[in-house]
Protein backbone atom coordinates (compact mmCIF):
# COMPACT_ATOMS: atom_id res chain seq x y z
CA MET A 1 -58.14 10.17 9.60
CA LYS A 2 -59.05 7.69 6.90
CA PRO A 3 -62.50 8.02 5.31
CA ILE A 4 -65.27 5.55 6.14
CA ILE A 5 -66.66 4.05 2.94
CA CYS A 6 -70.25 2.77 2.82
CA ILE A 7 -71.43 0.64 -0.11
CA THR A 8 -75.06 -0.46 -0.27
CA GLY A 9 -77.61 -1.57 -2.85
CA PRO A 10 -80.22 -4.25 -3.51
CA THR A 11 -79.49 -7.94 -3.25
CA ALA A 12 -77.31 -9.40 -6.05
CA SER A 13 -76.20 -5.94 -7.21
CA GLY A 14 -72.49 -6.82 -6.95
CA LYS A 15 -71.74 -4.49 -4.05
CA SER A 16 -69.68 -7.04 -2.09
CA ALA A 17 -67.31 -7.73 -4.97
CA TRP A 18 -66.91 -4.02 -5.61
CA ALA A 19 -66.17 -3.39 -1.92
CA VAL A 20 -63.35 -5.94 -2.09
CA GLU A 21 -61.90 -4.21 -5.15
CA ILE A 22 -61.96 -0.88 -3.31
CA ALA A 23 -60.35 -2.48 -0.26
CA LYS A 24 -57.50 -3.80 -2.41
CA SER A 25 -56.87 -0.36 -3.89
CA VAL A 26 -57.10 1.82 -0.75
CA GLY A 27 -55.87 -0.56 1.96
CA GLY A 28 -59.21 -1.32 3.52
CA GLU A 29 -61.07 -3.99 5.43
CA ILE A 30 -64.68 -5.09 4.93
CA ILE A 31 -67.33 -4.73 7.64
CA ASN A 32 -70.69 -6.42 7.25
CA ALA A 33 -73.85 -4.29 7.05
CA ASP A 34 -76.29 -7.03 6.05
CA ALA A 35 -78.80 -8.32 8.59
CA MET A 36 -78.81 -11.91 7.30
CA GLN A 37 -75.09 -12.33 6.70
CA VAL A 38 -74.44 -12.12 10.45
CA TYR A 39 -75.93 -15.59 10.98
CA LYS A 40 -73.75 -18.71 11.16
CA ASP A 41 -76.57 -20.83 9.75
CA LEU A 42 -76.92 -18.89 6.47
CA GLN A 43 -73.64 -19.12 4.58
CA ILE A 44 -75.18 -19.90 1.19
CA LEU A 45 -78.72 -18.53 1.30
CA SER A 46 -77.55 -15.14 2.60
CA ALA A 47 -74.84 -15.00 -0.11
CA ARG A 48 -72.24 -14.48 2.61
CA PRO A 49 -68.77 -14.06 1.09
CA LEU A 50 -66.71 -17.23 0.81
CA PRO A 51 -62.95 -17.19 1.48
CA SER A 52 -62.39 -17.12 -2.29
CA ASP A 53 -64.59 -14.02 -2.54
CA MET A 54 -62.64 -12.24 0.19
CA GLN A 55 -59.37 -12.34 -1.81
CA GLY A 56 -57.28 -12.07 1.35
CA ILE A 57 -59.07 -8.95 2.59
CA PRO A 58 -60.07 -9.15 6.29
CA HIS A 59 -63.85 -9.34 6.78
CA HIS A 60 -65.61 -8.47 10.04
CA LEU A 61 -69.02 -9.29 11.59
CA PHE A 62 -69.87 -12.07 9.13
CA GLY A 63 -71.39 -15.38 10.26
CA HIS A 64 -70.78 -14.85 13.96
CA ILE A 65 -74.32 -14.91 15.38
CA SER A 66 -76.44 -17.97 16.28
CA GLY A 67 -79.84 -18.21 14.65
CA HIS A 68 -81.37 -18.32 18.13
CA VAL A 69 -80.38 -14.69 18.74
CA ARG A 70 -82.86 -11.88 18.11
CA TYR A 71 -80.19 -9.72 16.52
CA SER A 72 -81.20 -6.10 15.90
CA THR A 73 -80.03 -2.82 14.44
CA GLY A 74 -79.07 -1.72 17.94
CA ALA A 75 -76.97 -4.86 18.44
CA TRP A 76 -75.22 -4.23 15.12
CA LEU A 77 -74.47 -0.62 16.07
CA ALA A 78 -72.93 -1.77 19.35
CA GLU A 79 -70.70 -4.23 17.48
CA VAL A 80 -69.76 -2.12 14.48
CA GLN A 81 -68.53 0.98 16.30
CA PRO A 82 -65.45 -0.64 17.91
CA VAL A 83 -64.60 -2.38 14.61
CA ILE A 84 -64.67 0.94 12.75
CA LEU A 85 -62.56 2.62 15.45
CA ASP A 86 -60.06 -0.25 15.43
CA CYS A 87 -59.62 0.07 11.66
CA LEU A 88 -59.06 3.81 11.93
CA ALA A 89 -56.59 3.33 14.79
CA ARG A 90 -54.59 0.97 12.56
CA ASP A 91 -54.70 3.48 9.65
CA VAL A 92 -56.98 1.11 7.71
CA VAL A 93 -59.99 2.25 5.67
CA PRO A 94 -63.24 0.77 7.04
CA ILE A 95 -65.51 -0.33 4.17
CA LEU A 96 -69.05 -1.14 5.24
CA THR A 97 -71.10 -3.10 2.75
CA GLY A 98 -74.51 -4.74 2.81
CA GLY A 99 -78.10 -4.32 1.77
CA THR A 100 -79.69 -3.46 5.13
CA GLY A 101 -80.50 0.20 4.68
CA LEU A 102 -81.64 0.60 8.29
CA TYR A 103 -78.13 -0.27 9.48
CA PHE A 104 -76.61 2.57 7.48
CA LYS A 105 -79.41 4.96 8.43
CA ALA A 106 -78.85 4.21 12.12
CA LEU A 107 -75.09 4.65 11.76
CA ILE A 108 -75.23 7.96 9.89
CA ASP A 109 -78.50 9.53 11.07
CA GLY A 110 -78.66 8.03 14.55
CA MET A 111 -80.93 5.60 16.35
CA ALA A 112 -83.50 6.26 19.03
CA GLN A 113 -82.78 4.89 22.50
CA ILE A 114 -86.13 3.16 22.89
CA PRO A 115 -86.67 1.34 26.21
CA ALA A 116 -86.87 -2.44 26.16
CA ILE A 117 -90.34 -3.63 25.19
CA SER A 118 -91.97 -5.96 27.70
CA SER A 119 -93.34 -9.35 26.74
CA CYS A 120 -96.79 -8.08 27.77
CA ALA A 121 -96.74 -5.28 25.18
CA MET A 122 -95.37 -7.59 22.49
CA SER A 123 -97.98 -10.24 23.29
CA SER A 124 -100.77 -7.69 23.06
CA ALA A 125 -99.68 -6.64 19.58
CA GLN A 126 -99.16 -10.25 18.51
CA GLU A 127 -102.64 -11.21 19.75
CA LEU A 128 -104.18 -8.50 17.60
CA LEU A 129 -102.37 -9.90 14.56
CA ASP A 130 -103.27 -13.52 15.37
CA VAL A 131 -106.96 -12.87 16.10
CA GLN A 132 -107.90 -10.04 13.71
CA GLY A 133 -105.22 -10.25 11.03
CA ILE A 134 -102.68 -8.00 9.33
CA ASP A 135 -105.21 -5.35 8.23
CA ALA A 136 -106.36 -4.81 11.81
CA LEU A 137 -102.74 -4.56 12.93
CA ARG A 138 -102.06 -1.89 10.30
CA ARG A 139 -105.17 0.07 11.33
CA LYS A 140 -103.97 0.00 14.93
CA ALA A 141 -100.50 1.11 13.87
CA GLU A 142 -101.97 3.98 11.85
CA THR A 143 -103.99 5.05 14.88
CA VAL A 144 -101.06 5.15 17.29
CA ASP A 145 -98.36 6.33 14.85
CA ALA A 146 -99.43 7.34 11.35
CA ILE A 147 -95.97 8.68 10.48
CA ALA A 148 -94.11 5.42 11.19
CA THR A 149 -96.85 3.31 9.58
CA LYS A 150 -96.66 5.30 6.36
CA ARG A 151 -93.06 4.13 5.98
CA VAL A 152 -94.10 0.45 6.06
CA LEU A 153 -94.56 -0.85 2.53
CA GLY A 154 -97.10 -3.63 2.06
CA HIS A 155 -97.75 -6.31 4.66
CA ASP A 156 -94.73 -6.27 6.95
CA PRO A 157 -95.96 -7.72 10.27
CA GLN A 158 -92.58 -7.41 11.98
CA ARG A 159 -92.43 -3.64 11.55
CA LEU A 160 -96.13 -3.12 12.28
CA LEU A 161 -95.81 -5.18 15.47
CA ARG A 162 -92.88 -2.99 16.46
CA ILE A 163 -94.90 0.21 15.97
CA VAL A 164 -97.81 -1.04 18.04
CA SER A 165 -95.74 -2.62 20.82
CA VAL A 166 -93.56 0.49 21.25
CA TYR A 167 -96.67 2.59 21.76
CA GLU A 168 -98.24 0.04 24.10
CA GLU A 169 -95.06 0.02 26.22
CA THR A 170 -94.08 3.69 26.25
CA GLY A 171 -97.16 5.72 25.30
CA ARG A 172 -95.03 7.41 22.63
CA GLY A 173 -95.02 6.71 18.92
CA LEU A 174 -92.01 5.05 17.32
CA SER A 175 -91.59 8.06 15.02
CA ASP A 176 -91.51 10.34 18.08
CA TRP A 177 -88.69 8.28 19.58
CA GLN A 178 -86.87 8.22 16.24
CA SER A 179 -86.95 12.01 15.95
CA ASP A 180 -84.72 12.20 19.04
CA THR A 181 -81.49 10.83 17.58
CA ARG A 182 -77.91 11.80 16.82
CA PRO A 183 -75.46 10.24 14.34
CA VAL A 184 -72.92 7.63 15.37
CA ILE A 185 -70.63 8.56 12.46
CA PRO A 186 -71.17 12.07 11.02
CA LYS A 187 -71.69 12.12 7.26
CA GLN A 188 -68.68 14.34 6.63
CA PHE A 189 -66.41 11.43 7.55
CA CYS A 190 -68.12 9.02 5.13
CA ARG A 191 -68.09 8.36 1.41
CA LEU A 192 -71.44 6.88 0.44
CA ALA A 193 -72.37 4.90 -2.68
CA VAL A 194 -75.52 2.97 -3.57
CA VAL A 195 -75.33 0.44 -6.42
CA LEU A 196 -78.54 0.55 -8.50
CA PRO A 197 -78.22 -1.67 -11.58
CA GLU A 198 -80.71 -1.76 -14.41
CA ARG A 199 -83.77 -3.47 -12.98
CA GLN A 200 -84.30 -6.32 -15.47
CA ALA A 201 -80.60 -7.18 -15.52
CA LEU A 202 -80.67 -7.40 -11.73
CA TYR A 203 -83.71 -9.70 -11.80
CA ALA A 204 -81.94 -12.01 -14.25
CA ARG A 205 -78.91 -12.06 -11.98
CA ILE A 206 -81.11 -12.89 -8.98
CA ASN A 207 -82.56 -15.89 -10.83
CA SER A 208 -79.18 -17.24 -11.92
CA ARG A 209 -77.63 -16.64 -8.50
CA PHE A 210 -80.41 -18.57 -6.80
CA GLU A 211 -79.84 -21.50 -9.15
CA ALA A 212 -76.17 -21.40 -8.17
CA MET A 213 -77.16 -21.37 -4.49
CA ILE A 214 -79.18 -24.55 -4.99
CA ASN A 215 -76.30 -26.22 -6.79
CA ASN A 216 -73.91 -25.21 -3.99
CA GLY A 217 -75.95 -26.62 -1.12
CA GLY A 218 -78.64 -24.02 -0.44
CA LEU A 219 -81.37 -26.61 -0.10
CA GLU A 220 -79.30 -28.62 2.38
CA GLU A 221 -78.70 -25.43 4.37
CA ALA A 222 -82.44 -24.71 4.51
CA LYS A 223 -83.08 -28.32 5.56
CA ALA A 224 -80.57 -28.02 8.42
CA VAL A 225 -82.29 -24.86 9.69
CA PHE A 226 -85.70 -26.51 9.32
CA GLN A 227 -84.63 -29.60 11.28
CA ALA A 228 -83.05 -27.47 14.02
CA GLY A 229 -86.55 -26.38 15.00
CA TYR A 230 -85.95 -22.66 15.31
CA ASP A 231 -88.82 -20.45 16.47
CA GLU A 232 -90.27 -19.09 13.23
CA SER A 233 -90.61 -15.60 14.77
CA LEU A 234 -86.82 -15.24 15.01
CA PRO A 235 -85.29 -12.60 12.69
CA MET A 236 -83.13 -15.16 10.88
CA MET A 237 -86.23 -17.06 9.81
CA LYS A 238 -87.34 -14.09 7.70
CA ALA A 239 -84.46 -14.62 5.28
CA ILE A 240 -85.65 -14.53 1.68
CA GLY A 241 -84.78 -17.89 0.15
CA LEU A 242 -85.01 -19.75 3.46
CA GLN A 243 -88.66 -19.61 4.45
CA GLN A 244 -89.78 -20.40 0.90
CA PHE A 245 -88.30 -23.91 1.20
CA PHE A 246 -90.29 -24.82 4.30
CA PRO A 247 -93.50 -25.85 2.44
CA TYR A 248 -91.38 -28.21 0.33
CA LEU A 249 -89.67 -29.64 3.43
CA LYS A 250 -93.10 -30.14 5.02
CA GLY A 251 -94.31 -31.99 1.91
CA GLU A 252 -96.76 -29.22 1.02
CA ALA A 253 -95.13 -28.09 -2.25
CA SER A 254 -92.80 -29.37 -4.92
CA LEU A 255 -89.16 -28.35 -5.08
CA GLU A 256 -89.80 -26.59 -8.39
CA GLN A 257 -92.60 -24.55 -6.79
CA ALA A 258 -90.39 -23.64 -3.84
CA ILE A 259 -87.57 -22.47 -6.09
CA ASP A 260 -89.91 -20.42 -8.29
CA ILE A 261 -91.46 -18.74 -5.24
CA ALA A 262 -88.02 -18.05 -3.73
CA LYS A 263 -86.87 -16.37 -6.95
CA ARG A 264 -90.08 -14.34 -7.16
CA ASP A 265 -89.86 -13.21 -3.54
CA THR A 266 -86.20 -12.27 -3.94
CA ARG A 267 -87.09 -10.11 -6.95
CA ARG A 268 -89.87 -8.49 -4.94
CA PHE A 269 -87.45 -7.88 -2.08
CA ALA A 270 -85.01 -6.21 -4.49
CA LYS A 271 -87.84 -4.01 -5.76
CA ARG A 272 -88.61 -2.90 -2.20
CA GLN A 273 -84.92 -2.19 -1.67
CA PHE A 274 -84.86 -0.02 -4.81
CA THR A 275 -87.80 1.97 -3.46
CA TRP A 276 -86.17 2.37 -0.04
CA PHE A 277 -82.80 3.46 -1.39
CA ARG A 278 -84.32 5.96 -3.81
CA GLY A 279 -86.28 7.50 -0.95
CA GLN A 280 -83.78 7.24 1.91
CA ALA A 281 -80.37 7.46 0.19
CA LYS A 282 -80.87 10.59 -1.90
CA GLU A 283 -77.57 12.07 -0.70
CA TRP A 284 -75.61 8.95 -1.65
CA THR A 285 -73.71 8.66 -4.93
CA SER A 286 -75.75 6.42 -7.23
CA VAL A 287 -73.70 4.09 -9.46
CA ASN A 288 -74.84 1.55 -12.02
CA ASN A 289 -71.88 0.98 -14.32
CA HIS A 290 -68.11 0.54 -14.33
CA SER A 291 -67.26 4.15 -15.20
CA GLN A 292 -69.40 5.53 -12.40
CA LYS A 293 -67.72 3.18 -9.94
CA LYS A 294 -64.29 4.33 -11.07
CA GLU A 295 -65.36 7.96 -10.74
CA PHE A 296 -66.51 7.31 -7.17
CA GLU A 297 -63.22 5.57 -6.34
CA ALA A 298 -61.21 8.44 -7.81
CA ASN A 299 -62.94 10.87 -5.46
CA ILE A 300 -62.19 8.93 -2.27
CA PRO A 301 -59.77 11.11 -0.27
CA LEU A 302 -56.69 9.58 1.31
CA GLU A 303 -57.54 11.37 4.53
CA ILE A 304 -60.38 13.45 5.97
CA LEU A 305 -59.19 16.35 8.10
């Protein structure tokens, strides 16, 4: 069968454009592996490919989910598997690209079948955060599952809430559930590349790209989401570059302040992605220049037996 190509990397690293170039050369189609590019509401601020970016290459699982949906890694896995199989059945190379490392990890390493978490367990964890704060939530997470908590960098309430609520619901740690997994797509069928540009060059590109987003309607997009009145706990509302505009739209900050904070937070997000990929994608081919990309492309087999 045809190989399955996976291209990841930090935000603004150029992975989407490279994936299109590969698709043109091997007869492939692009499949989204970015958690924010699934949302209809975030065309600009998620840097979702425009028709001009696609260059006639079919793209799948982009901009098809309402912001009201609590989309998850499990939901993505359920959607991506039939798309991959359809490509292979048509003798087309599936090319997955995006910056959500957990999507690729779930696809290649497997994902635990954790039972649905009740509203009672989620409310209990949320109450701890609301009443005692993020430090208390982390201490609780460390108590119930030190292994999973160690993987959480900095203050990440969403992931800490998940750790605590899973334990409250099931009596088992999240890491215990995650140890009982099997791959969806075995690694031997995949060709894996992570784009890791020089750090300062990437930060400069992030700044200039965000300026372009503003010029192309990013602020108007954020305003539309703000006026729609979405629940701020929804996954879409965590998008870097979206939430940073809300203080400006509430009259609590200037536009210049909002833009500066959005750029800063995007750079910080890219730094966290670097850390994650270096720790979790050690078996992937690391590329950071044109010659390394061409070497990776040259080693893509026409078929995997």
